[in-house]
């Protein structure tokens, strides 16, 4: 989901409670804070020697060690945080938005949006785990290219074995080979 799509959904649903489901049935505590909105630029070289560049927006969700029962972020408050950030520097609007979250039982991860569903006077942002990938293999257009990608499965040499060869190399009792 693009950042602009996310903020548009927030605008269309003013003052609704905003919840984040980071795993099926597991939610960020309701007293979370949005602590950072990051423009993230990647400049990588993959295992095939190809340079890759892209940008994303990461929203950091944080839970105070001491629960704050009187604190909650709704859609309008989240938009106000976006506005504060926008006054300092523009946020990448046409780039994918992901959420950075972790707690004592879930390692910090950057999670893309899988779905946003309405539930009464609430929006539930369902996040999903990302998978790593091999860009060299992803670029390949044929099965042969995929097999030849640097991180594709290694071709195993075929070895011919005959019964005579096995008998000739068999261990003799007392030879010390086994």
C-alpha atoms as a PDB file:
ATOM      1  CA  UNK A   1       0.000   0.000   0.000  1.00  0.00           C
ATOM      2  CA  UNK A   2       1.265   3.462  -0.899  1.00  0.00           C
ATOM      3  CA  UNK A   3       1.600   6.162   1.760  1.00  0.00           C
ATOM      4  CA  UNK A   4      -0.963   8.354  -0.018  1.00  0.00           C
ATOM      5  CA  UNK A   5      -3.483   5.483  -0.041  1.00  0.00           C
ATOM      6  CA  UNK A   6      -3.004   4.940   3.687  1.00  0.00           C
ATOM      7  CA  UNK A   7      -3.432   8.600   4.609  1.00  0.00           C
ATOM      8  CA  UNK A   8      -6.490   8.844   2.335  1.00  0.00           C
ATOM      9  CA  UNK A   9      -8.128   5.979   4.256  1.00  0.00           C
ATOM     10  CA  UNK A  10      -7.373   7.841   7.495  1.00  0.00           C
ATOM     11  CA  UNK A  11      -8.960  11.027   6.069  1.00  0.00           C
ATOM     12  CA  UNK A  12     -12.070   9.124   4.993  1.00  0.00           C
ATOM     13  CA  UNK A  13     -12.473   7.705   8.506  1.00  0.00           C
ATOM     14  CA  UNK A  14     -12.032  10.614  10.946  1.00  0.00           C
ATOM     15  CA  UNK A  15     -11.804   9.949  14.672  1.00  0.00           C
ATOM     16  CA  UNK A  16     -11.978   6.178  14.338  1.00  0.00           C
ATOM     17  CA  UNK A  17      -9.895   4.056  16.675  1.00  0.00           C
ATOM     18  CA  UNK A  18      -6.763   2.823  14.895  1.00  0.00           C
ATOM     19  CA  UNK A  19      -5.519  -0.668  15.719  1.00  0.00           C
ATOM     20  CA  UNK A  20      -2.601  -2.668  14.311  1.00  0.00           C
ATOM     21  CA  UNK A  21      -2.642  -6.460  14.048  1.00  0.00           C
ATOM     22  CA  UNK A  22       0.985  -7.547  13.617  1.00  0.00           C
ATOM     23  CA  UNK A  23       0.221 -11.294  13.532  1.00  0.00           C
ATOM     24  CA  UNK A  24      -3.083 -13.138  13.285  1.00  0.00           C
ATOM     25  CA  UNK A  25      -4.892 -12.339  16.532  1.00  0.00           C
ATOM     26  CA  UNK A  26      -1.926 -10.369  17.964  1.00  0.00           C
ATOM     27  CA  UNK A  27      -2.380  -6.597  18.321  1.00  0.00           C
ATOM     28  CA  UNK A  28      -0.110  -3.697  19.163  1.00  0.00           C
ATOM     29  CA  UNK A  29      -1.209  -2.447  22.578  1.00  0.00           C
ATOM     30  CA  UNK A  30      -3.955   0.181  22.328  1.00  0.00           C
ATOM     31  CA  UNK A  31      -1.762   2.786  24.063  1.00  0.00           C
ATOM     32  CA  UNK A  32       0.949   2.711  21.346  1.00  0.00           C
ATOM     33  CA  UNK A  33       2.662   5.837  20.040  1.00  0.00           C
ATOM     34  CA  UNK A  34       3.677   6.749  16.501  1.00  0.00           C
ATOM     35  CA  UNK A  35       7.242   7.823  17.262  1.00  0.00           C
ATOM     36  CA  UNK A  36       8.747   8.295  13.789  1.00  0.00           C
ATOM     37  CA  UNK A  37       7.781   8.575  10.161  1.00  0.00           C
ATOM     38  CA  UNK A  38      10.829   7.654   8.137  1.00  0.00           C
ATOM     39  CA  UNK A  39      11.625   8.173   4.467  1.00  0.00           C
ATOM     40  CA  UNK A  40      13.871   5.181   3.828  1.00  0.00           C
ATOM     41  CA  UNK A  41      16.136   4.984   0.785  1.00  0.00           C
ATOM     42  CA  UNK A  42      17.728   1.690  -0.214  1.00  0.00           C
ATOM     43  CA  UNK A  43      20.830   1.433  -2.405  1.00  0.00           C
ATOM     44  CA  UNK A  44      21.825  -2.218  -2.731  1.00  0.00           C
ATOM     45  CA  UNK A  45      23.828  -4.523  -4.952  1.00  0.00           C
ATOM     46  CA  UNK A  46      22.394  -8.008  -5.242  1.00  0.00           C
ATOM     47  CA  UNK A  47      24.225 -11.319  -5.555  1.00  0.00           C
ATOM     48  CA  UNK A  48      24.071 -11.031  -9.355  1.00  0.00           C
ATOM     49  CA  UNK A  49      26.055  -7.776  -9.234  1.00  0.00           C
ATOM     50  CA  UNK A  50      23.097  -5.535 -10.116  1.00  0.00           C
ATOM     51  CA  UNK A  51      22.472  -2.272  -8.285  1.00  0.00           C
ATOM     52  CA  UNK A  52      18.945  -1.753  -6.929  1.00  0.00           C
ATOM     53  CA  UNK A  53      17.499   1.494  -5.570  1.00  0.00           C
ATOM     54  CA  UNK A  54      14.080   2.165  -4.064  1.00  0.00           C
ATOM     55  CA  UNK A  55      12.329   4.190  -1.384  1.00  0.00           C
ATOM     56  CA  UNK A  56       9.777   3.290   1.281  1.00  0.00           C
ATOM     57  CA  UNK A  57       8.074   4.978   4.220  1.00  0.00           C
ATOM     58  CA  UNK A  58       8.388   3.327   7.630  1.00  0.00           C
ATOM     59  CA  UNK A  59       6.120   4.246  10.531  1.00  0.00           C
ATOM     60  CA  UNK A  60       7.518   3.295  13.917  1.00  0.00           C
ATOM     61  CA  UNK A  61       4.986   2.040  16.466  1.00  0.00           C
ATOM     62  CA  UNK A  62       6.154   2.014  20.081  1.00  0.00           C
ATOM     63  CA  UNK A  63       4.689   0.856  23.385  1.00  0.00           C
ATOM     64  CA  UNK A  64       5.821   2.573  26.572  1.00  0.00           C
ATOM     65  CA  UNK A  65       7.152   0.156  29.195  1.00  0.00           C
ATOM     66  CA  UNK A  66       4.525   1.560  31.575  1.00  0.00           C
ATOM     67  CA  UNK A  67       1.020   1.142  30.100  1.00  0.00           C
ATOM     68  CA  UNK A  68      -0.843   4.406  29.498  1.00  0.00           C
ATOM     69  CA  UNK A  69      -4.566   3.645  29.792  1.00  0.00           C
ATOM     70  CA  UNK A  70      -5.514   7.247  28.907  1.00  0.00           C
ATOM     71  CA  UNK A  71      -3.466   7.320  25.694  1.00  0.00           C
ATOM     72  CA  UNK A  72      -4.789   6.219  22.306  1.00  0.00           C
ATOM     73  CA  UNK A  73      -4.101   7.084  18.678  1.00  0.00           C
ATOM     74  CA  UNK A  74      -7.114   7.458  16.432  1.00  0.00           C
ATOM     75  CA  UNK A  75      -7.145   8.190  12.708  1.00  0.00           C
ATOM     76  CA  UNK A  76      -7.296  11.966  13.239  1.00  0.00           C
ATOM     77  CA  UNK A  77      -4.349  11.969  15.642  1.00  0.00           C
ATOM     78  CA  UNK A  78      -2.325   9.832  13.228  1.00  0.00           C
ATOM     79  CA  UNK A  79      -3.022  12.368  10.461  1.00  0.00           C
ATOM     80  CA  UNK A  80      -1.862  15.202  12.745  1.00  0.00           C
ATOM     81  CA  UNK A  81       1.447  13.374  13.198  1.00  0.00           C
ATOM     82  CA  UNK A  82       1.768  13.053   9.412  1.00  0.00           C
ATOM     83  CA  UNK A  83       1.078  16.812   9.136  1.00  0.00           C
ATOM     84  CA  UNK A  84       3.796  17.661  11.697  1.00  0.00           C
ATOM     85  CA  UNK A  85       6.306  15.559   9.759  1.00  0.00           C
ATOM     86  CA  UNK A  86       5.180  17.057   6.432  1.00  0.00           C
ATOM     87  CA  UNK A  87       5.980  20.577   7.730  1.00  0.00           C
ATOM     88  CA  UNK A  88       9.575  19.513   8.409  1.00  0.00           C
ATOM     89  CA  UNK A  89      10.083  17.482   5.220  1.00  0.00           C
ATOM     90  CA  UNK A  90       7.867  15.822   2.608  1.00  0.00           C
ATOM     91  CA  UNK A  91       6.996  12.175   3.127  1.00  0.00           C
ATOM     92  CA  UNK A  92       7.288   9.891   0.082  1.00  0.00           C
ATOM     93  CA  UNK A  93       3.622   9.728  -0.951  1.00  0.00           C
ATOM     94  CA  UNK A  94       3.901   7.330  -3.886  1.00  0.00           C
ATOM     95  CA  UNK A  95       6.020   4.748  -2.088  1.00  0.00           C
ATOM     96  CA  UNK A  96       5.093   1.660  -0.109  1.00  0.00           C
ATOM     97  CA  UNK A  97       4.298   2.253   3.556  1.00  0.00           C
ATOM     98  CA  UNK A  98       5.466  -0.257   6.164  1.00  0.00           C
ATOM     99  CA  UNK A  99       5.226  -0.362   9.931  1.00  0.00           C
ATOM    100  CA  UNK A 100       8.145  -0.991  12.249  1.00  0.00           C
ATOM    101  CA  UNK A 101       7.143  -2.772  15.424  1.00  0.00           C
ATOM    102  CA  UNK A 102       8.490  -5.111  18.061  1.00  0.00           C
ATOM    103  CA  UNK A 103       7.824  -6.052  21.674  1.00  0.00           C
ATOM    104  CA  UNK A 104       9.225  -8.480  24.250  1.00  0.00           C
ATOM    105  CA  UNK A 105       7.619 -11.467  22.512  1.00  0.00           C
ATOM    106  CA  UNK A 106       7.882 -10.321  18.873  1.00  0.00           C
ATOM    107  CA  UNK A 107      11.240  -9.292  17.374  1.00  0.00           C
ATOM    108  CA  UNK A 108      11.331  -5.852  15.785  1.00  0.00           C
ATOM    109  CA  UNK A 109      10.327  -6.151  12.146  1.00  0.00           C
ATOM    110  CA  UNK A 110       9.274  -3.926   9.275  1.00  0.00           C
ATOM    111  CA  UNK A 111       5.828  -5.119   8.202  1.00  0.00           C
ATOM    112  CA  UNK A 112       3.854  -4.184   5.082  1.00  0.00           C
ATOM    113  CA  UNK A 113       0.093  -3.638   5.128  1.00  0.00           C
ATOM    114  CA  UNK A 114      -1.856  -6.723   4.130  1.00  0.00           C
ATOM    115  CA  UNK A 115      -5.332  -5.262   4.584  1.00  0.00           C
ATOM    116  CA  UNK A 116      -7.289  -2.551   6.381  1.00  0.00           C
ATOM    117  CA  UNK A 117     -10.704  -3.513   7.643  1.00  0.00           C
ATOM    118  CA  UNK A 118     -13.452  -1.518   9.270  1.00  0.00           C
ATOM    119  CA  UNK A 119     -14.925  -2.814  12.497  1.00  0.00           C
ATOM    120  CA  UNK A 120     -17.622  -0.480  13.794  1.00  0.00           C
ATOM    121  CA  UNK A 121     -15.933   2.756  14.863  1.00  0.00           C
ATOM    122  CA  UNK A 122     -12.461   1.285  14.331  1.00  0.00           C
ATOM    123  CA  UNK A 123      -9.954   0.611  11.597  1.00  0.00           C
ATOM    124  CA  UNK A 124      -7.770  -2.465  11.926  1.00  0.00           C
ATOM    125  CA  UNK A 125      -4.535  -2.327   9.954  1.00  0.00           C
ATOM    126  CA  UNK A 126      -3.545  -5.928   9.326  1.00  0.00           C
ATOM    127  CA  UNK A 127       0.191  -6.267   8.831  1.00  0.00           C
ATOM    128  CA  UNK A 128       2.014  -9.217   7.345  1.00  0.00           C
ATOM    129  CA  UNK A 129       5.535 -10.551   7.519  1.00  0.00           C
ATOM    130  CA  UNK A 130       7.768  -9.849   4.530  1.00  0.00           C
ATOM    131  CA  UNK A 131       9.749 -12.629   2.897  1.00  0.00           C
ATOM    132  CA  UNK A 132      13.322 -12.299   1.749  1.00  0.00           C
ATOM    133  CA  UNK A 133      13.994 -12.975  -1.902  1.00  0.00           C
ATOM    134  CA  UNK A 134      16.801 -13.322  -4.420  1.00  0.00           C
ATOM    135  CA  UNK A 135      16.578 -10.463  -6.915  1.00  0.00           C
ATOM    136  CA  UNK A 136      18.833 -12.279  -9.408  1.00  0.00           C
ATOM    137  CA  UNK A 137      16.442 -15.225  -9.406  1.00  0.00           C
ATOM    138  CA  UNK A 138      13.404 -12.887  -9.499  1.00  0.00           C
ATOM    139  CA  UNK A 139      14.809 -11.155 -12.604  1.00  0.00           C
ATOM    140  CA  UNK A 140      15.170 -14.442 -14.460  1.00  0.00           C
ATOM    141  CA  UNK A 141      12.574 -15.029 -17.168  1.00  0.00           C
ATOM    142  CA  UNK A 142      13.149 -18.699 -17.960  1.00  0.00           C
ATOM    143  CA  UNK A 143      13.578 -21.820 -15.812  1.00  0.00           C
ATOM    144  CA  UNK A 144      17.167 -22.071 -17.105  1.00  0.00           C
ATOM    145  CA  UNK A 145      17.954 -18.494 -16.007  1.00  0.00           C
ATOM    146  CA  UNK A 146      16.390 -19.162 -12.600  1.00  0.00           C
ATOM    147  CA  UNK A 147      18.526 -22.308 -12.213  1.00  0.00           C
ATOM    148  CA  UNK A 148      21.651 -20.361 -13.192  1.00  0.00           C
ATOM    149  CA  UNK A 149      20.969 -17.463 -10.777  1.00  0.00           C
ATOM    150  CA  UNK A 150      23.781 -17.196  -8.272  1.00  0.00           C
ATOM    151  CA  UNK A 151      21.619 -18.318  -5.394  1.00  0.00           C
ATOM    152  CA  UNK A 152      19.667 -20.957  -7.276  1.00  0.00           C
ATOM    153  CA  UNK A 153      20.042 -24.595  -6.309  1.00  0.00           C
ATOM    154  CA  UNK A 154      23.502 -25.930  -7.077  1.00  0.00           C
ATOM    155  CA  UNK A 155      23.573 -28.518  -9.821  1.00  0.00           C
ATOM    156  CA  UNK A 156      24.639 -31.855  -8.374  1.00  0.00           C
ATOM    157  CA  UNK A 157      27.088 -33.788 -10.531  1.00  0.00           C
ATOM    158  CA  UNK A 158      25.834 -37.177 -11.600  1.00  0.00           C
ATOM    159  CA  UNK A 159      28.011 -40.009 -10.359  1.00  0.00           C
ATOM    160  CA  UNK A 160      27.873 -43.417 -11.911  1.00  0.00           C
ATOM    161  CA  UNK A 161      28.432 -46.235  -9.477  1.00  0.00           C
ATOM    162  CA  UNK A 162      28.855 -49.847 -10.478  1.00  0.00           C
ATOM    163  CA  UNK A 163      28.701 -52.893  -8.255  1.00  0.00           C
ATOM    164  CA  UNK A 164      32.245 -53.814  -9.296  1.00  0.00           C
ATOM    165  CA  UNK A 165      33.546 -50.408  -8.182  1.00  0.00           C
ATOM    166  CA  UNK A 166      31.784 -50.773  -4.845  1.00  0.00           C
ATOM    167  CA  UNK A 167      33.232 -54.256  -4.311  1.00  0.00           C
ATOM    168  CA  UNK A 168      36.757 -53.050  -5.265  1.00  0.00           C
ATOM    169  CA  UNK A 169      36.674 -50.187  -2.763  1.00  0.00           C
ATOM    170  CA  UNK A 170      34.941 -52.137  -0.009  1.00  0.00           C
ATOM    171  CA  UNK A 171      36.605 -52.233   3.362  1.00  0.00           C
ATOM    172  CA  UNK A 172      38.440 -55.428   4.255  1.00  0.00           C
ATOM    173  CA  UNK A 173      38.237 -56.525   7.860  1.00  0.00           C
ATOM    174  CA  UNK A 174      41.292 -55.230   9.713  1.00  0.00           C
ATOM    175  CA  UNK A 175      42.237 -52.733   6.925  1.00  0.00           C
ATOM    176  CA  UNK A 176      41.512 -49.705   9.149  1.00  0.00           C
ATOM    177  CA  UNK A 177      39.181 -48.068   6.620  1.00  0.00           C
ATOM    178  CA  UNK A 178      36.123 -48.198   8.835  1.00  0.00           C
END
